[in-house]
Amino acid sequence: MQKREIVMNDILECLQELVAGTHPIRSDSDMVDELGLESIKVMNLLMLLEDRLDISIPINILLNVRTPEQLLEAITKHQEECNGFI
């Protein structure tokens, strides 16, 4: 369970690097509507997370992802399918 918290912190920190201003970023923030994350920034987010977590994140897992919490779930599910754990 602690690993999920670490990954969520990494997601939120990476988002903070990409989002202009001081808009608060929560685990339930809508990354497009609330944070203004454009497609190029989504790609940058994936690259930042891949570097931090030392994993490969396929872009197709983002199809239904709107919030950091959903991104965490998608990454966790993908990692469990690939490695059996995160």
N, C-alpha and C. Protein backbone atom coordinates (compact mmCIF):
# COMPACT_ATOMS: atom_id res chain seq x y z
N MET A 1 0.82 -1.20 0.00
CA MET A 1 0.00 0.00 0.00
C MET A 1 0.86 1.25 0.00
N GLN A 2 2.02 1.19 0.69
CA GLN A 2 2.89 2.35 0.73
C GLN A 2 3.42 2.70 -0.65
N LYS A 3 3.64 1.69 -1.49
CA LYS A 3 4.13 1.96 -2.83
C LYS A 3 3.11 2.79 -3.61
N ARG A 4 1.83 2.55 -3.40
CA ARG A 4 0.80 3.34 -4.08
C ARG A 4 0.92 4.81 -3.68
N GLU A 5 1.17 5.07 -2.42
CA GLU A 5 1.32 6.45 -1.95
C GLU A 5 2.54 7.11 -2.57
N ILE A 6 3.61 6.35 -2.70
CA ILE A 6 4.83 6.88 -3.31
C ILE A 6 4.58 7.20 -4.78
N VAL A 7 3.92 6.28 -5.47
CA VAL A 7 3.63 6.52 -6.89
C VAL A 7 2.69 7.71 -7.05
N MET A 8 1.68 7.82 -6.17
CA MET A 8 0.77 8.98 -6.25
C MET A 8 1.54 10.27 -6.02
N ASN A 9 2.45 10.29 -5.06
CA ASN A 9 3.27 11.48 -4.84
C ASN A 9 4.09 11.81 -6.07
N ASP A 10 4.64 10.79 -6.73
CA ASP A 10 5.41 11.03 -7.96
C ASP A 10 4.51 11.60 -9.05
N ILE A 11 3.31 11.07 -9.18
CA ILE A 11 2.38 11.59 -10.19
C ILE A 11 2.07 13.06 -9.91
N LEU A 12 1.76 13.37 -8.66
CA LEU A 12 1.41 14.76 -8.31
C LEU A 12 2.60 15.70 -8.49
N GLU A 13 3.79 15.24 -8.14
CA GLU A 13 4.98 16.08 -8.32
C GLU A 13 5.27 16.32 -9.79
N CYS A 14 5.12 15.29 -10.61
CA CYS A 14 5.34 15.46 -12.05
C CYS A 14 4.29 16.41 -12.63
N LEU A 15 3.06 16.28 -12.19
CA LEU A 15 2.02 17.19 -12.67
C LEU A 15 2.33 18.63 -12.28
N GLN A 16 2.84 18.81 -11.06
CA GLN A 16 3.17 20.15 -10.60
C GLN A 16 4.23 20.79 -11.49
N GLU A 17 5.16 19.97 -11.99
CA GLU A 17 6.19 20.48 -12.89
C GLU A 17 5.60 20.94 -14.21
N LEU A 18 4.51 20.32 -14.64
CA LEU A 18 3.94 20.59 -15.96
C LEU A 18 2.84 21.63 -15.96
N VAL A 19 2.21 21.85 -14.82
CA VAL A 19 1.06 22.75 -14.75
C VAL A 19 1.52 24.13 -14.30
N ALA A 20 1.19 25.11 -15.09
CA ALA A 20 1.57 26.48 -14.76
C ALA A 20 0.73 27.00 -13.60
N GLY A 21 1.32 27.93 -12.86
CA GLY A 21 0.57 28.57 -11.78
C GLY A 21 0.59 27.78 -10.50
N THR A 22 -0.26 28.22 -9.60
CA THR A 22 -0.29 27.60 -8.28
C THR A 22 -1.58 26.83 -8.05
N HIS A 23 -2.21 26.38 -9.13
CA HIS A 23 -3.45 25.63 -9.01
C HIS A 23 -3.20 24.38 -8.18
N PRO A 24 -3.99 24.17 -7.13
CA PRO A 24 -3.78 22.96 -6.32
C PRO A 24 -4.07 21.70 -7.13
N ILE A 25 -3.21 20.73 -6.99
CA ILE A 25 -3.38 19.46 -7.71
C ILE A 25 -3.71 18.39 -6.69
N ARG A 26 -4.88 17.81 -6.87
CA ARG A 26 -5.35 16.75 -5.97
C ARG A 26 -5.41 15.44 -6.74
N SER A 27 -5.58 14.36 -6.03
CA SER A 27 -5.67 13.06 -6.69
C SER A 27 -6.93 12.94 -7.55
N ASP A 28 -7.93 13.80 -7.28
CA ASP A 28 -9.16 13.75 -8.08
C ASP A 28 -9.29 14.94 -9.04
N SER A 29 -8.22 15.70 -9.22
CA SER A 29 -8.26 16.81 -10.18
C SER A 29 -8.39 16.28 -11.60
N ASP A 30 -9.24 16.91 -12.40
CA ASP A 30 -9.35 16.54 -13.80
C ASP A 30 -8.14 17.14 -14.53
N MET A 31 -7.30 16.28 -15.08
CA MET A 31 -6.04 16.74 -15.66
C MET A 31 -6.25 17.61 -16.90
N VAL A 32 -7.34 17.43 -17.60
CA VAL A 32 -7.60 18.23 -18.81
C VAL A 32 -8.40 19.47 -18.45
N ASP A 33 -9.56 19.29 -17.86
CA ASP A 33 -10.46 20.42 -17.60
C ASP A 33 -9.96 21.35 -16.48
N GLU A 34 -9.44 20.80 -15.41
CA GLU A 34 -9.00 21.63 -14.28
C GLU A 34 -7.55 22.09 -14.40
N LEU A 35 -6.68 21.20 -14.86
CA LEU A 35 -5.25 21.51 -14.88
C LEU A 35 -4.77 21.97 -16.25
N GLY A 36 -5.62 21.84 -17.26
CA GLY A 36 -5.26 22.31 -18.61
C GLY A 36 -4.15 21.51 -19.26
N LEU A 37 -4.06 20.24 -18.93
CA LEU A 37 -3.02 19.39 -19.50
C LEU A 37 -3.34 19.07 -20.96
N GLU A 38 -2.51 19.56 -21.85
CA GLU A 38 -2.69 19.30 -23.28
C GLU A 38 -1.99 17.99 -23.64
N SER A 39 -2.24 17.52 -24.86
CA SER A 39 -1.72 16.21 -25.26
C SER A 39 -0.19 16.14 -25.16
N ILE A 40 0.50 17.23 -25.53
CA ILE A 40 1.96 17.19 -25.46
C ILE A 40 2.42 17.11 -24.00
N LYS A 41 1.69 17.75 -23.10
CA LYS A 41 2.05 17.67 -21.69
C LYS A 41 1.73 16.30 -21.11
N VAL A 42 0.71 15.65 -21.65
CA VAL A 42 0.42 14.28 -21.22
C VAL A 42 1.59 13.37 -21.59
N MET A 43 2.13 13.57 -22.78
CA MET A 43 3.29 12.79 -23.20
C MET A 43 4.49 13.10 -22.29
N ASN A 44 4.67 14.37 -21.97
CA ASN A 44 5.75 14.74 -21.05
C ASN A 44 5.55 14.11 -19.68
N LEU A 45 4.29 14.07 -19.22
CA LEU A 45 3.99 13.44 -17.94
C LEU A 45 4.38 11.96 -17.97
N LEU A 46 4.05 11.28 -19.04
CA LEU A 46 4.41 9.86 -19.14
C LEU A 46 5.93 9.68 -19.11
N MET A 47 6.65 10.53 -19.82
CA MET A 47 8.10 10.41 -19.84
C MET A 47 8.70 10.68 -18.47
N LEU A 48 8.18 11.70 -17.77
CA LEU A 48 8.66 11.99 -16.42
C LEU A 48 8.40 10.80 -15.49
N LEU A 49 7.20 10.24 -15.59
CA LEU A 49 6.87 9.10 -14.72
C LEU A 49 7.70 7.87 -15.06
N GLU A 50 7.93 7.64 -16.35
CA GLU A 50 8.77 6.50 -16.74
C GLU A 50 10.16 6.65 -16.14
N ASP A 51 10.71 7.86 -16.19
CA ASP A 51 12.04 8.09 -15.62
C ASP A 51 12.04 7.91 -14.10
N ARG A 52 11.05 8.48 -13.44
CA ARG A 52 11.01 8.40 -11.97
C ARG A 52 10.77 6.99 -11.47
N LEU A 53 9.85 6.29 -12.14
CA LEU A 53 9.46 4.97 -11.67
C LEU A 53 10.28 3.86 -12.31
N ASP A 54 11.08 4.21 -13.30
CA ASP A 54 11.90 3.25 -14.04
C ASP A 54 11.03 2.12 -14.60
N ILE A 55 9.97 2.53 -15.28
CA ILE A 55 9.05 1.59 -15.92
C ILE A 55 8.68 2.12 -17.29
N SER A 56 8.11 1.27 -18.11
CA SER A 56 7.56 1.68 -19.40
C SER A 56 6.05 1.79 -19.25
N ILE A 57 5.51 2.93 -19.71
CA ILE A 57 4.07 3.15 -19.60
C ILE A 57 3.50 3.29 -21.01
N PRO A 58 2.73 2.32 -21.47
CA PRO A 58 2.15 2.44 -22.81
C PRO A 58 1.07 3.52 -22.84
N ILE A 59 1.04 4.28 -23.91
CA ILE A 59 0.12 5.41 -24.00
C ILE A 59 -1.34 4.94 -24.01
N ASN A 60 -1.58 3.73 -24.46
CA ASN A 60 -2.97 3.27 -24.55
C ASN A 60 -3.65 3.11 -23.20
N ILE A 61 -2.89 3.10 -22.11
CA ILE A 61 -3.54 2.99 -20.80
C ILE A 61 -4.21 4.30 -20.40
N LEU A 62 -3.96 5.35 -21.18
CA LEU A 62 -4.51 6.66 -20.84
C LEU A 62 -5.87 6.93 -21.45
N LEU A 63 -6.41 5.98 -22.19
CA LEU A 63 -7.64 6.23 -22.92
C LEU A 63 -8.78 6.74 -22.05
N ASN A 64 -8.94 6.21 -20.88
CA ASN A 64 -10.05 6.61 -20.01
C ASN A 64 -9.57 7.27 -18.72
N VAL A 65 -8.36 7.78 -18.73
CA VAL A 65 -7.78 8.39 -17.54
C VAL A 65 -8.05 9.89 -17.55
N ARG A 66 -8.66 10.40 -16.48
CA ARG A 66 -8.93 11.85 -16.37
C ARG A 66 -8.26 12.45 -15.13
N THR A 67 -8.01 11.63 -14.12
CA THR A 67 -7.49 12.15 -12.85
C THR A 67 -6.18 11.43 -12.47
N PRO A 68 -5.40 12.04 -11.59
CA PRO A 68 -4.20 11.34 -11.10
C PRO A 68 -4.54 9.99 -10.45
N GLU A 69 -5.66 9.91 -9.74
CA GLU A 69 -6.05 8.64 -9.12
C GLU A 69 -6.31 7.57 -10.19
N GLN A 70 -6.97 7.96 -11.28
CA GLN A 70 -7.21 7.01 -12.37
C GLN A 70 -5.89 6.62 -13.04
N LEU A 71 -4.97 7.58 -13.14
CA LEU A 71 -3.65 7.27 -13.71
C LEU A 71 -2.92 6.27 -12.83
N LEU A 72 -2.98 6.47 -11.52
CA LEU A 72 -2.36 5.53 -10.59
C LEU A 72 -2.96 4.13 -10.78
N GLU A 73 -4.27 4.06 -10.88
CA GLU A 73 -4.93 2.76 -11.07
C GLU A 73 -4.47 2.11 -12.38
N ALA A 74 -4.38 2.90 -13.44
CA ALA A 74 -3.98 2.37 -14.75
C ALA A 74 -2.54 1.87 -14.71
N ILE A 75 -1.65 2.64 -14.08
CA ILE A 75 -0.25 2.23 -13.98
C ILE A 75 -0.13 0.97 -13.13
N THR A 76 -0.84 0.96 -12.01
CA THR A 76 -0.80 -0.20 -11.11
C THR A 76 -1.28 -1.46 -11.82
N LYS A 77 -2.40 -1.34 -12.52
CA LYS A 77 -2.95 -2.49 -13.25
C LYS A 77 -1.97 -2.98 -14.31
N HIS A 78 -1.39 -2.03 -15.05
CA HIS A 78 -0.43 -2.40 -16.09
C HIS A 78 0.78 -3.11 -15.48
N GLN A 79 1.32 -2.55 -14.38
CA GLN A 79 2.48 -3.16 -13.76
C GLN A 79 2.17 -4.53 -13.17
N GLU A 80 0.99 -4.68 -12.63
CA GLU A 80 0.60 -5.99 -12.09
C GLU A 80 0.47 -7.02 -13.21
N GLU A 81 -0.04 -6.59 -14.35
CA GLU A 81 -0.16 -7.50 -15.49
C GLU A 81 1.22 -7.89 -16.02
N CYS A 82 2.17 -6.94 -15.98
CA CYS A 82 3.51 -7.20 -16.52
C CYS A 82 4.40 -7.93 -15.52
N ASN A 83 4.33 -7.51 -14.26
CA ASN A 83 5.30 -8.02 -13.28
C ASN A 83 4.67 -8.70 -12.08
N GLY A 84 3.39 -8.55 -11.92
CA GLY A 84 2.73 -9.15 -10.77
C GLY A 84 2.71 -8.25 -9.55
N PHE A 85 3.34 -7.05 -9.64
CA PHE A 85 3.34 -6.12 -8.52
C PHE A 85 3.82 -4.77 -9.02
N ILE A 86 3.69 -3.75 -8.18
CA ILE A 86 4.27 -2.45 -8.47
C ILE A 86 5.12 -2.03 -7.31
